[in-house]
Amino acid sequence: MCKENIFKKLLFKLTTECIFTVNDTLFKQTDGVSMGGPLSVVLSGCFMTKMEMDLVVPSSPKFYKRYVDDIYVRRKKGISDQLFESINKYHPNLKLTIETNPSKFLDTDIIREENGTLLFKVHDNENKIPFHWSSAVPKRYKRNIILGELHRAKRISSNFLSEVVRIKNKYMAAGYPVKYIESVIRSFSEEKDDPIIPNWLFNNKREVYIRIPYCKTNELYIYKMLRKLEHFSDYEITFKVIWITRNIRSLFPIKDKTNHISNVIYKGECSCGSIYIGETVRNAKIRWEEHEAIDGKSEPAKHLVNNNNNNHNYIGLL
């Protein structure tokens, strides 16, 4: 069998025989791929690109932009939206909805002036705040998150200066020093629009990356140590740091995975010889206690009630 046929067979299985669970019940998805899977993004992109080649390109709309399945279209005034109707007829599983004169598209707020001019600004979720200045993360991360917002504002907003004021106030509220925020904004404004030329074009220095667990003490002394290492190597090597950071919950797990096992297949055997095999994403011990409950609605509980037999043995987990 050639590679193309093998690939086609695997692709067919992934799109017609995907298995998933709902309320401890197994189901087979006979059409499409599972939501959130890596293949779903690729296939949706291929499908939407094919649709655009067949419908959007021939219709030549005044303005058309798409991100995955979010589409923004502008058409001439007084013309019916034939593109929307043709897209929904393109495939039986394709059911798009329409929003006329939307005020937001993805992370962009759209403002319409009375003269028909469109203005744009970054859509900022007020409930979503950046991590505080006192957070135990490398200062480089704090700098990059501000730079990321500045780059996004420059690409999106019609009034970049107003966005700079918004970003400054946002991070001041999160405890960032005013001088630090202004220094990041100043360095951003001084950046050249020319593409960055990699350093290896100008020197033949070796680069050595050092992985170090992050803490404020390490961050305070590491760069002094790096300068000493470069001096020790006669400046023939450039040393760089890769900080190793961890989530708080990884240091303090919510539950003991040894004594509180979850997401397993389990097996139980009654004294009459009947065997029950189940699957749960919850705590296995709690799930089994529900099977032992006389007023339980699970099949093992019904079996005990119907046979008036409470003498059963718990075998364990498979």
C-alpha atoms as a PDB file:
ATOM      1  CA  MET A   1       0.000   0.000   0.000  1.00  0.00           C
ATOM      2  CA  CYS A   2       1.455   3.381  -1.018  1.00  0.00           C
ATOM      3  CA  LYS A   3       1.959   6.213   1.456  1.00  0.00           C
ATOM      4  CA  GLU A   4      -0.907   8.252  -0.022  1.00  0.00           C
ATOM      5  CA  ASN A   5      -3.397   5.423   0.552  1.00  0.00           C
ATOM      6  CA  ILE A   6      -2.143   4.864   4.106  1.00  0.00           C
ATOM      7  CA  PHE A   7      -2.514   8.568   4.858  1.00  0.00           C
ATOM      8  CA  LYS A   8      -5.990   8.615   3.335  1.00  0.00           C
ATOM      9  CA  LYS A   9      -7.043   5.583   5.395  1.00  0.00           C
ATOM     10  CA  LEU A  10      -5.748   7.110   8.640  1.00  0.00           C
ATOM     11  CA  LEU A  11      -7.418  10.423   7.848  1.00  0.00           C
ATOM     12  CA  PHE A  12     -10.703   8.652   7.154  1.00  0.00           C
ATOM     13  CA  LYS A  13     -10.554   6.849  10.525  1.00  0.00           C
ATOM     14  CA  LEU A  14      -9.801  10.075  12.393  1.00  0.00           C
ATOM     15  CA  THR A  15     -12.794  11.823  10.815  1.00  0.00           C
ATOM     16  CA  THR A  16     -15.361   8.996  11.057  1.00  0.00           C
ATOM     17  CA  GLU A  17     -14.360   6.885  14.085  1.00  0.00           C
ATOM     18  CA  CYS A  18     -13.405   9.392  16.776  1.00  0.00           C
ATOM     19  CA  ILE A  19     -14.288   8.046  20.268  1.00  0.00           C
ATOM     20  CA  PHE A  20     -15.243  10.309  23.178  1.00  0.00           C
ATOM     21  CA  THR A  21     -17.055  10.003  26.518  1.00  0.00           C
ATOM     22  CA  VAL A  22     -20.031  11.926  27.948  1.00  0.00           C
ATOM     23  CA  ASN A  23     -21.318  11.094  31.446  1.00  0.00           C
ATOM     24  CA  ASP A  24     -19.262   7.883  31.530  1.00  0.00           C
ATOM     25  CA  THR A  25     -20.764   6.722  28.205  1.00  0.00           C
ATOM     26  CA  LEU A  26     -18.680   6.050  25.098  1.00  0.00           C
ATOM     27  CA  PHE A  27     -19.775   7.620  21.802  1.00  0.00           C
ATOM     28  CA  LYS A  28     -18.425   7.466  18.264  1.00  0.00           C
ATOM     29  CA  GLN A  29     -18.289  10.694  16.285  1.00  0.00           C
ATOM     30  CA  THR A  30     -19.138   9.662  12.733  1.00  0.00           C
ATOM     31  CA  ASP A  31     -18.587  13.031  11.057  1.00  0.00           C
ATOM     32  CA  GLY A  32     -15.821  15.545  11.636  1.00  0.00           C
ATOM     33  CA  VAL A  33     -12.996  15.632  14.163  1.00  0.00           C
ATOM     34  CA  SER A  34     -12.966  16.245  17.904  1.00  0.00           C
ATOM     35  CA  MET A  35     -13.043  19.875  19.021  1.00  0.00           C
ATOM     36  CA  GLY A  36      -9.691  21.141  20.257  1.00  0.00           C
ATOM     37  CA  GLY A  37      -7.669  18.432  18.527  1.00  0.00           C
ATOM     38  CA  PRO A  38      -4.587  19.370  16.469  1.00  0.00           C
ATOM     39  CA  LEU A  39      -6.142  17.935  13.311  1.00  0.00           C
ATOM     40  CA  SER A  40      -9.307  20.036  13.589  1.00  0.00           C
ATOM     41  CA  VAL A  41      -7.396  23.293  13.022  1.00  0.00           C
ATOM     42  CA  VAL A  42      -5.631  21.918   9.929  1.00  0.00           C
ATOM     43  CA  LEU A  43      -8.755  20.466   8.340  1.00  0.00           C
ATOM     44  CA  SER A  44     -10.874  23.542   9.051  1.00  0.00           C
ATOM     45  CA  GLY A  45      -8.202  25.713   7.446  1.00  0.00           C
ATOM     46  CA  CYS A  46      -8.098  23.487   4.352  1.00  0.00           C
ATOM     47  CA  PHE A  47     -11.888  23.470   4.093  1.00  0.00           C
ATOM     48  CA  MET A  48     -12.298  27.239   4.481  1.00  0.00           C
ATOM     49  CA  THR A  49      -9.499  27.914   1.982  1.00  0.00           C
ATOM     50  CA  LYS A  50     -11.211  25.672  -0.566  1.00  0.00           C
ATOM     51  CA  MET A  51     -14.486  27.498   0.072  1.00  0.00           C
ATOM     52  CA  GLU A  52     -12.810  30.872  -0.459  1.00  0.00           C
ATOM     53  CA  MET A  53     -11.299  29.772  -3.759  1.00  0.00           C
ATOM     54  CA  ASP A  54     -14.700  28.565  -4.981  1.00  0.00           C
ATOM     55  CA  LEU A  55     -16.928  31.385  -3.705  1.00  0.00           C
ATOM     56  CA  VAL A  56     -15.102  34.413  -2.292  1.00  0.00           C
ATOM     57  CA  VAL A  57     -12.539  34.950  -5.065  1.00  0.00           C
ATOM     58  CA  PRO A  58     -15.129  34.934  -7.897  1.00  0.00           C
ATOM     59  CA  SER A  59     -17.475  37.304  -5.998  1.00  0.00           C
ATOM     60  CA  SER A  60     -14.685  39.868  -5.293  1.00  0.00           C
ATOM     61  CA  PRO A  61     -16.132  41.498  -2.144  1.00  0.00           C
ATOM     62  CA  LYS A  62     -15.140  45.071  -1.283  1.00  0.00           C
ATOM     63  CA  PHE A  63     -13.340  43.881   1.853  1.00  0.00           C
ATOM     64  CA  TYR A  64     -12.850  40.340   3.182  1.00  0.00           C
ATOM     65  CA  LYS A  65     -10.828  39.029   6.152  1.00  0.00           C
ATOM     66  CA  ARG A  66     -11.037  35.675   7.923  1.00  0.00           C
ATOM     67  CA  TYR A  67      -9.547  34.077  11.038  1.00  0.00           C
ATOM     68  CA  VAL A  68     -10.420  30.341  11.200  1.00  0.00           C
ATOM     69  CA  ASP A  69     -14.238  30.618  10.935  1.00  0.00           C
ATOM     70  CA  ASP A  70     -14.655  34.289  11.924  1.00  0.00           C
ATOM     71  CA  ILE A  71     -15.236  36.358   8.780  1.00  0.00           C
ATOM     72  CA  TYR A  72     -15.499  40.117   8.340  1.00  0.00           C
ATOM     73  CA  VAL A  73     -16.948  41.297   5.014  1.00  0.00           C
ATOM     74  CA  ARG A  74     -17.840  44.707   3.629  1.00  0.00           C
ATOM     75  CA  ARG A  75     -20.018  45.011   0.562  1.00  0.00           C
ATOM     76  CA  LYS A  76     -21.366  47.844  -1.514  1.00  0.00           C
ATOM     77  CA  LYS A  77     -24.377  49.643  -0.086  1.00  0.00           C
ATOM     78  CA  GLY A  78     -27.749  48.474  -1.388  1.00  0.00           C
ATOM     79  CA  ILE A  79     -26.483  45.090  -2.590  1.00  0.00           C
ATOM     80  CA  SER A  80     -27.939  41.937  -1.028  1.00  0.00           C
ATOM     81  CA  ASP A  81     -25.606  39.633   0.843  1.00  0.00           C
ATOM     82  CA  GLN A  82     -25.394  36.879  -1.752  1.00  0.00           C
ATOM     83  CA  LEU A  83     -22.002  35.713  -0.470  1.00  0.00           C
ATOM     84  CA  PHE A  84     -23.475  34.775   2.928  1.00  0.00           C
ATOM     85  CA  GLU A  85     -26.226  32.736   1.282  1.00  0.00           C
ATOM     86  CA  SER A  86     -23.843  30.942  -1.079  1.00  0.00           C
ATOM     87  CA  ILE A  87     -21.445  30.068   1.776  1.00  0.00           C
ATOM     88  CA  ASN A  88     -24.219  28.451   3.824  1.00  0.00           C
ATOM     89  CA  LYS A  89     -25.244  26.410   0.780  1.00  0.00           C
ATOM     90  CA  TYR A  90     -21.668  25.298   0.118  1.00  0.00           C
ATOM     91  CA  HIS A  91     -21.821  22.317   2.501  1.00  0.00           C
ATOM     92  CA  PRO A  92     -24.671  20.915   4.648  1.00  0.00           C
ATOM     93  CA  ASN A  93     -22.531  21.083   7.819  1.00  0.00           C
ATOM     94  CA  LEU A  94     -21.553  24.715   7.266  1.00  0.00           C
ATOM     95  CA  LYS A  95     -24.002  26.949   9.161  1.00  0.00           C
ATOM     96  CA  LEU A  96     -22.696  30.474   9.634  1.00  0.00           C
ATOM     97  CA  THR A  97     -24.560  33.248  11.418  1.00  0.00           C
ATOM     98  CA  ILE A  98     -24.424  36.912  10.491  1.00  0.00           C
ATOM     99  CA  GLU A  99     -24.077  40.066  12.569  1.00  0.00           C
ATOM    100  CA  THR A 100     -24.834  43.329  10.798  1.00  0.00           C
ATOM    101  CA  ASN A 101     -22.639  46.328  11.659  1.00  0.00           C
ATOM    102  CA  PRO A 102     -20.654  44.549  14.416  1.00  0.00           C
ATOM    103  CA  SER A 103     -18.935  46.700  17.025  1.00  0.00           C
ATOM    104  CA  LYS A 104     -16.144  44.141  17.573  1.00  0.00           C
ATOM    105  CA  PHE A 105     -14.213  41.652  15.462  1.00  0.00           C
ATOM    106  CA  LEU A 106     -11.809  39.329  17.333  1.00  0.00           C
ATOM    107  CA  ASP A 107      -9.684  41.683  19.502  1.00  0.00           C
ATOM    108  CA  THR A 108     -10.572  44.848  17.569  1.00  0.00           C
ATOM    109  CA  ASP A 109     -13.273  47.385  18.436  1.00  0.00           C
ATOM    110  CA  ILE A 110     -14.841  48.978  15.338  1.00  0.00           C
ATOM    111  CA  ILE A 111     -16.111  52.557  15.608  1.00  0.00           C
ATOM    112  CA  ARG A 112     -18.190  54.049  12.779  1.00  0.00           C
ATOM    113  CA  GLU A 113     -18.095  57.788  12.301  1.00  0.00           C
ATOM    114  CA  GLU A 114     -21.061  59.733  10.931  1.00  0.00           C
ATOM    115  CA  ASN A 115     -19.240  60.307   7.648  1.00  0.00           C
ATOM    116  CA  GLY A 116     -18.788  56.535   7.194  1.00  0.00           C
ATOM    117  CA  THR A 117     -15.146  56.422   8.308  1.00  0.00           C
ATOM    118  CA  LEU A 118     -14.102  53.406  10.345  1.00  0.00           C
ATOM    119  CA  LEU A 119     -11.867  53.783  13.382  1.00  0.00           C
ATOM    120  CA  PHE A 120     -10.229  50.898  15.214  1.00  0.00           C
ATOM    121  CA  LYS A 121      -8.921  50.320  18.708  1.00  0.00           C
ATOM    122  CA  VAL A 122      -7.831  47.347  20.770  1.00  0.00           C
ATOM    123  CA  HIS A 123     -10.659  45.518  22.515  1.00  0.00           C
ATOM    124  CA  ASP A 124      -9.510  45.411  26.130  1.00  0.00           C
ATOM    125  CA  ASN A 125     -11.267  43.120  28.571  1.00  0.00           C
ATOM    126  CA  GLU A 126     -11.506  45.083  31.814  1.00  0.00           C
ATOM    127  CA  ASN A 127     -11.854  41.893  33.874  1.00  0.00           C
ATOM    128  CA  LYS A 128      -8.583  40.504  32.524  1.00  0.00           C
ATOM    129  CA  ILE A 129      -5.632  42.087  34.302  1.00  0.00           C
ATOM    130  CA  PRO A 130      -1.902  41.338  33.888  1.00  0.00           C
ATOM    131  CA  PHE A 131       0.074  39.592  36.589  1.00  0.00           C
ATOM    132  CA  HIS A 132       1.168  41.957  39.354  1.00  0.00           C
ATOM    133  CA  TRP A 133       4.611  43.525  39.476  1.00  0.00           C
ATOM    134  CA  SER A 134       5.331  41.600  42.680  1.00  0.00           C
ATOM    135  CA  SER A 135       4.685  38.262  40.930  1.00  0.00           C
ATOM    136  CA  ALA A 136       7.646  35.866  41.030  1.00  0.00           C
ATOM    137  CA  VAL A 137       8.298  35.798  37.279  1.00  0.00           C
ATOM    138  CA  PRO A 138      11.376  36.994  35.367  1.00  0.00           C
ATOM    139  CA  LYS A 139      11.483  40.720  34.698  1.00  0.00           C
ATOM    140  CA  ARG A 140      11.989  39.876  31.037  1.00  0.00           C
ATOM    141  CA  TYR A 141       8.475  38.382  30.983  1.00  0.00           C
ATOM    142  CA  LYS A 142       7.040  41.585  32.450  1.00  0.00           C
ATOM    143  CA  ARG A 143       8.830  43.638  29.822  1.00  0.00           C
ATOM    144  CA  ASN A 144       7.690  41.387  26.970  1.00  0.00           C
ATOM    145  CA  ILE A 145       4.032  41.480  27.990  1.00  0.00           C
ATOM    146  CA  ILE A 146       4.065  45.292  27.750  1.00  0.00           C
ATOM    147  CA  LEU A 147       5.897  45.147  24.413  1.00  0.00           C
ATOM    148  CA  GLY A 148       3.327  42.656  23.126  1.00  0.00           C
ATOM    149  CA  GLU A 149       0.486  45.040  23.925  1.00  0.00           C
ATOM    150  CA  LEU A 150       2.335  47.917  22.262  1.00  0.00           C
ATOM    151  CA  HIS A 151       2.904  45.902  19.077  1.00  0.00           C
ATOM    152  CA  ARG A 152      -0.748  44.882  18.966  1.00  0.00           C
ATOM    153  CA  ALA A 153      -1.911  48.462  19.507  1.00  0.00           C
ATOM    154  CA  LYS A 154       0.370  49.737  16.740  1.00  0.00           C
ATOM    155  CA  ARG A 155      -1.031  47.196  14.278  1.00  0.00           C
ATOM    156  CA  ILE A 156      -4.700  47.673  15.199  1.00  0.00           C
ATOM    157  CA  SER A 157      -5.446  51.096  16.609  1.00  0.00           C
ATOM    158  CA  SER A 158      -6.215  54.201  14.584  1.00  0.00           C
ATOM    159  CA  ASN A 159      -4.983  56.319  17.508  1.00  0.00           C
ATOM    160  CA  PHE A 160      -1.800  54.751  18.858  1.00  0.00           C
ATOM    161  CA  LEU A 161      -1.119  57.502  21.419  1.00  0.00           C
ATOM    162  CA  SER A 162      -4.432  56.906  23.189  1.00  0.00           C
ATOM    163  CA  GLU A 163      -3.576  53.195  23.361  1.00  0.00           C
ATOM    164  CA  VAL A 164      -0.220  54.014  24.951  1.00  0.00           C
ATOM    165  CA  VAL A 165      -2.022  55.972  27.697  1.00  0.00           C
ATOM    166  CA  ARG A 166      -4.419  53.041  28.238  1.00  0.00           C
ATOM    167  CA  ILE A 167      -1.547  50.541  28.481  1.00  0.00           C
ATOM    168  CA  LYS A 168       0.375  52.778  30.879  1.00  0.00           C
ATOM    169  CA  ASN A 169      -2.629  53.161  33.212  1.00  0.00           C
ATOM    170  CA  LYS A 170      -3.362  49.440  33.008  1.00  0.00           C
ATOM    171  CA  TYR A 171       0.096  48.407  34.203  1.00  0.00           C
ATOM    172  CA  MET A 172       0.339  51.166  36.775  1.00  0.00           C
ATOM    173  CA  ALA A 173      -2.800  49.663  38.324  1.00  0.00           C
ATOM    174  CA  ALA A 174      -0.969  46.320  38.447  1.00  0.00           C
ATOM    175  CA  GLY A 175       1.857  47.848  40.519  1.00  0.00           C
ATOM    176  CA  TYR A 176       4.400  48.379  37.730  1.00  0.00           C
ATOM    177  CA  PRO A 177       6.734  51.362  38.415  1.00  0.00           C
ATOM    178  CA  VAL A 178       6.008  54.348  36.198  1.00  0.00           C
ATOM    179  CA  LYS A 179       9.677  54.729  35.209  1.00  0.00           C
ATOM    180  CA  TYR A 180       9.851  51.075  34.169  1.00  0.00           C
ATOM    181  CA  ILE A 181       6.720  51.351  31.999  1.00  0.00           C
ATOM    182  CA  GLU A 182       7.995  54.546  30.382  1.00  0.00           C
ATOM    183  CA  SER A 183      11.382  52.961  29.659  1.00  0.00           C
ATOM    184  CA  VAL A 184       9.695  50.053  27.866  1.00  0.00           C
ATOM    185  CA  ILE A 185       7.510  52.455  25.852  1.00  0.00           C
ATOM    186  CA  ARG A 186      10.573  54.554  25.006  1.00  0.00           C
ATOM    187  CA  SER A 187      12.553  51.546  23.805  1.00  0.00           C
ATOM    188  CA  PHE A 188       9.576  50.448  21.689  1.00  0.00           C
ATOM    189  CA  SER A 189       9.303  53.872  20.033  1.00  0.00           C
ATOM    190  CA  GLU A 190      13.034  53.808  19.260  1.00  0.00           C
ATOM    191  CA  GLU A 191      12.879  50.428  17.517  1.00  0.00           C
ATOM    192  CA  LYS A 192      13.632  50.486  13.799  1.00  0.00           C
ATOM    193  CA  ASP A 193      11.126  49.150  11.327  1.00  0.00           C
ATOM    194  CA  ASP A 194      13.905  47.306   9.491  1.00  0.00           C
ATOM    195  CA  PRO A 195      14.067  43.559  10.123  1.00  0.00           C
ATOM    196  CA  ILE A 196      16.425  42.551  12.895  1.00  0.00           C
ATOM    197  CA  ILE A 197      19.689  41.167  11.516  1.00  0.00           C
ATOM    198  CA  PRO A 198      20.870  38.145  13.511  1.00  0.00           C
ATOM    199  CA  ASN A 199      24.084  38.572  15.474  1.00  0.00           C
ATOM    200  CA  TRP A 200      25.691  35.494  13.971  1.00  0.00           C
ATOM    201  CA  LEU A 201      26.173  37.411  10.686  1.00  0.00           C
ATOM    202  CA  PHE A 202      28.654  39.725  12.407  1.00  0.00           C
ATOM    203  CA  ASN A 203      30.563  37.392  14.711  1.00  0.00           C
ATOM    204  CA  ASN A 204      31.448  33.766  15.079  1.00  0.00           C
ATOM    205  CA  LYS A 205      30.868  33.574  18.815  1.00  0.00           C
ATOM    206  CA  ARG A 206      29.409  30.383  20.197  1.00  0.00           C
ATOM    207  CA  GLU A 207      26.166  30.699  22.134  1.00  0.00           C
ATOM    208  CA  VAL A 208      25.678  28.584  25.251  1.00  0.00           C
ATOM    209  CA  TYR A 209      22.256  28.456  26.910  1.00  0.00           C
ATOM    210  CA  ILE A 210      22.019  27.775  30.638  1.00  0.00           C
ATOM    211  CA  ARG A 211      18.774  26.520  32.173  1.00  0.00           C
ATOM    212  CA  ILE A 212      18.284  27.876  35.684  1.00  0.00           C
ATOM    213  CA  PRO A 213      15.268  27.643  38.021  1.00  0.00           C
ATOM    214  CA  TYR A 214      13.788  31.098  38.416  1.00  0.00           C
ATOM    215  CA  CYS A 215      13.735  33.007  41.671  1.00  0.00           C
ATOM    216  CA  LYS A 216      14.406  36.653  42.430  1.00  0.00           C
ATOM    217  CA  THR A 217      17.782  35.878  44.003  1.00  0.00           C
ATOM    218  CA  ASN A 218      18.964  34.017  40.915  1.00  0.00           C
ATOM    219  CA  GLU A 219      17.772  36.851  38.684  1.00  0.00           C
ATOM    220  CA  LEU A 220      19.652  39.351  40.821  1.00  0.00           C
ATOM    221  CA  TYR A 221      23.046  37.625  40.577  1.00  0.00           C
ATOM    222  CA  ILE A 222      22.922  35.627  37.333  1.00  0.00           C
ATOM    223  CA  TYR A 223      24.027  38.355  34.932  1.00  0.00           C
ATOM    224  CA  LYS A 224      27.093  39.138  37.009  1.00  0.00           C
ATOM    225  CA  MET A 225      27.980  35.448  36.835  1.00  0.00           C
ATOM    226  CA  LEU A 226      27.452  35.433  33.047  1.00  0.00           C
ATOM    227  CA  ARG A 227      29.910  38.297  32.625  1.00  0.00           C
ATOM    228  CA  LYS A 228      32.496  36.333  34.598  1.00  0.00           C
ATOM    229  CA  LEU A 229      31.906  33.267  32.429  1.00  0.00           C
ATOM    230  CA  GLU A 230      32.382  35.305  29.249  1.00  0.00           C
ATOM    231  CA  HIS A 231      35.589  36.752  30.669  1.00  0.00           C
ATOM    232  CA  PHE A 232      36.762  33.246  31.594  1.00  0.00           C
ATOM    233  CA  SER A 233      36.128  32.089  27.985  1.00  0.00           C
ATOM    234  CA  ASP A 234      38.106  35.081  26.593  1.00  0.00           C
ATOM    235  CA  TYR A 235      34.807  36.424  25.253  1.00  0.00           C
ATOM    236  CA  GLU A 236      34.624  33.686  22.641  1.00  0.00           C
ATOM    237  CA  ILE A 237      31.330  32.383  24.058  1.00  0.00           C
ATOM    238  CA  THR A 238      28.079  34.223  24.672  1.00  0.00           C
ATOM    239  CA  PHE A 239      26.141  32.825  27.618  1.00  0.00           C
ATOM    240  CA  LYS A 240      22.352  33.191  27.736  1.00  0.00           C
ATOM    241  CA  VAL A 241      19.806  32.188  30.361  1.00  0.00           C
ATOM    242  CA  ILE A 242      16.657  30.114  29.916  1.00  0.00           C
ATOM    243  CA  TRP A 243      14.572  30.569  33.030  1.00  0.00           C
ATOM    244  CA  ILE A 244      12.734  27.511  34.327  1.00  0.00           C
ATOM    245  CA  THR A 245       9.399  28.657  35.764  1.00  0.00           C
ATOM    246  CA  ARG A 246       6.638  26.564  37.321  1.00  0.00           C
ATOM    247  CA  ASN A 247       2.981  27.061  38.085  1.00  0.00           C
ATOM    248  CA  ILE A 248       2.033  27.311  41.745  1.00  0.00           C
ATOM    249  CA  ARG A 249      -0.331  24.347  41.388  1.00  0.00           C
ATOM    250  CA  SER A 250       2.557  22.169  40.203  1.00  0.00           C
ATOM    251  CA  LEU A 251       4.253  22.799  43.565  1.00  0.00           C
ATOM    252  CA  PHE A 252       1.059  22.275  45.557  1.00  0.00           C
ATOM    253  CA  PRO A 253      -1.026  19.616  43.804  1.00  0.00           C
ATOM    254  CA  ILE A 254      -4.755  19.802  44.366  1.00  0.00           C
ATOM    255  CA  LYS A 255      -5.073  16.095  45.101  1.00  0.00           C
ATOM    256  CA  ASP A 256      -2.913  13.108  45.925  1.00  0.00           C
ATOM    257  CA  LYS A 257      -2.791  11.112  42.683  1.00  0.00           C
ATOM    258  CA  THR A 258      -1.623   8.010  44.553  1.00  0.00           C
ATOM    259  CA  ASN A 259      -4.524   7.764  46.992  1.00  0.00           C
ATOM    260  CA  HIS A 260      -7.078   9.656  44.913  1.00  0.00           C
ATOM    261  CA  ILE A 261      -6.840   8.093  41.486  1.00  0.00           C
ATOM    262  CA  SER A 262      -9.020   9.473  38.689  1.00  0.00           C
ATOM    263  CA  ASN A 263      -9.471   9.084  34.934  1.00  0.00           C
ATOM    264  CA  VAL A 264      -9.147   5.269  35.018  1.00  0.00           C
ATOM    265  CA  ILE A 265     -10.863   2.048  34.032  1.00  0.00           C
ATOM    266  CA  TYR A 266     -11.881  -0.011  37.071  1.00  0.00           C
ATOM    267  CA  LYS A 267     -13.173  -3.522  37.748  1.00  0.00           C
ATOM    268  CA  GLY A 268     -15.385  -4.887  40.513  1.00  0.00           C
ATOM    269  CA  GLU A 269     -16.591  -8.437  41.243  1.00  0.00           C
ATOM    270  CA  CYS A 270     -19.697  -9.468  43.198  1.00  0.00           C
ATOM    271  CA  SER A 271     -19.721 -12.522  45.481  1.00  0.00           C
ATOM    272  CA  CYS A 272     -22.150 -14.148  43.028  1.00  0.00           C
ATOM    273  CA  GLY A 273     -19.468 -14.039  40.337  1.00  0.00           C
ATOM    274  CA  SER A 274     -20.812 -11.105  38.321  1.00  0.00           C
ATOM    275  CA  ILE A 275     -18.138  -8.714  37.051  1.00  0.00           C
ATOM    276  CA  TYR A 276     -18.563  -5.027  36.303  1.00  0.00           C
ATOM    277  CA  ILE A 277     -16.024  -2.957  34.344  1.00  0.00           C
ATOM    278  CA  GLY A 278     -16.427   0.813  34.130  1.00  0.00           C
ATOM    279  CA  GLU A 279     -14.610   4.006  33.236  1.00  0.00           C
ATOM    280  CA  THR A 280     -14.593   7.337  35.050  1.00  0.00           C
ATOM    281  CA  VAL A 281     -12.809  10.656  34.845  1.00  0.00           C
ATOM    282  CA  ARG A 282     -13.739  11.374  38.464  1.00  0.00           C
ATOM    283  CA  ASN A 283     -12.252  10.083  41.682  1.00  0.00           C
ATOM    284  CA  ALA A 284     -12.368   6.279  41.364  1.00  0.00           C
ATOM    285  CA  LYS A 285     -12.982   5.676  45.072  1.00  0.00           C
ATOM    286  CA  ILE A 286     -15.959   8.025  45.186  1.00  0.00           C
ATOM    287  CA  ARG A 287     -17.357   6.490  42.007  1.00  0.00           C
ATOM    288  CA  TRP A 288     -17.119   2.994  43.501  1.00  0.00           C
ATOM    289  CA  GLU A 289     -18.841   4.168  46.687  1.00  0.00           C
ATOM    290  CA  GLU A 290     -21.751   5.263  44.479  1.00  0.00           C
ATOM    291  CA  HIS A 291     -21.888   1.731  43.077  1.00  0.00           C
ATOM    292  CA  GLU A 292     -22.024   0.353  46.629  1.00  0.00           C
ATOM    293  CA  ALA A 293     -24.857   2.684  47.664  1.00  0.00           C
ATOM    294  CA  ILE A 294     -28.172   0.816  47.930  1.00  0.00           C
ATOM    295  CA  ASP A 295     -30.094   3.818  46.612  1.00  0.00           C
ATOM    296  CA  GLY A 296     -27.594   4.283  43.773  1.00  0.00           C
ATOM    297  CA  LYS A 297     -28.722   4.399  40.156  1.00  0.00           C
ATOM    298  CA  SER A 298     -25.693   2.663  38.629  1.00  0.00           C
ATOM    299  CA  GLU A 299     -25.846  -0.894  37.306  1.00  0.00           C
ATOM    300  CA  PRO A 300     -23.761  -2.412  40.158  1.00  0.00           C
ATOM    301  CA  ALA A 301     -26.062  -0.753  42.730  1.00  0.00           C
ATOM    302  CA  LYS A 302     -29.160  -2.054  40.925  1.00  0.00           C
ATOM    303  CA  HIS A 303     -27.604  -5.519  40.853  1.00  0.00           C
ATOM    304  CA  LEU A 304     -27.112  -5.494  44.634  1.00  0.00           C
ATOM    305  CA  VAL A 305     -30.664  -4.331  45.280  1.00  0.00           C
ATOM    306  CA  ASN A 306     -32.240  -6.821  42.889  1.00  0.00           C
ATOM    307  CA  ASN A 307     -30.261  -9.733  44.347  1.00  0.00           C
ATOM    308  CA  ASN A 308     -30.493  -8.533  47.962  1.00  0.00           C
ATOM    309  CA  ASN A 309     -26.785  -9.194  48.236  1.00  0.00           C
ATOM    310  CA  ASN A 310     -24.501  -6.741  49.967  1.00  0.00           C
ATOM    311  CA  ASN A 311     -21.554  -9.139  50.209  1.00  0.00           C
ATOM    312  CA  HIS A 312     -19.330  -8.205  47.319  1.00  0.00           C
ATOM    313  CA  ASN A 313     -15.623  -7.702  46.803  1.00  0.00           C
ATOM    314  CA  TYR A 314     -13.782  -4.720  45.326  1.00  0.00           C
ATOM    315  CA  ILE A 315     -11.105  -6.120  43.027  1.00  0.00           C
ATOM    316  CA  GLY A 316      -9.244  -2.919  42.176  1.00  0.00           C
ATOM    317  CA  LEU A 317      -8.326  -0.794  39.201  1.00  0.00           C
ATOM    318  CA  LEU A 318      -7.223  -1.969  35.775  1.00  0.00           C
END
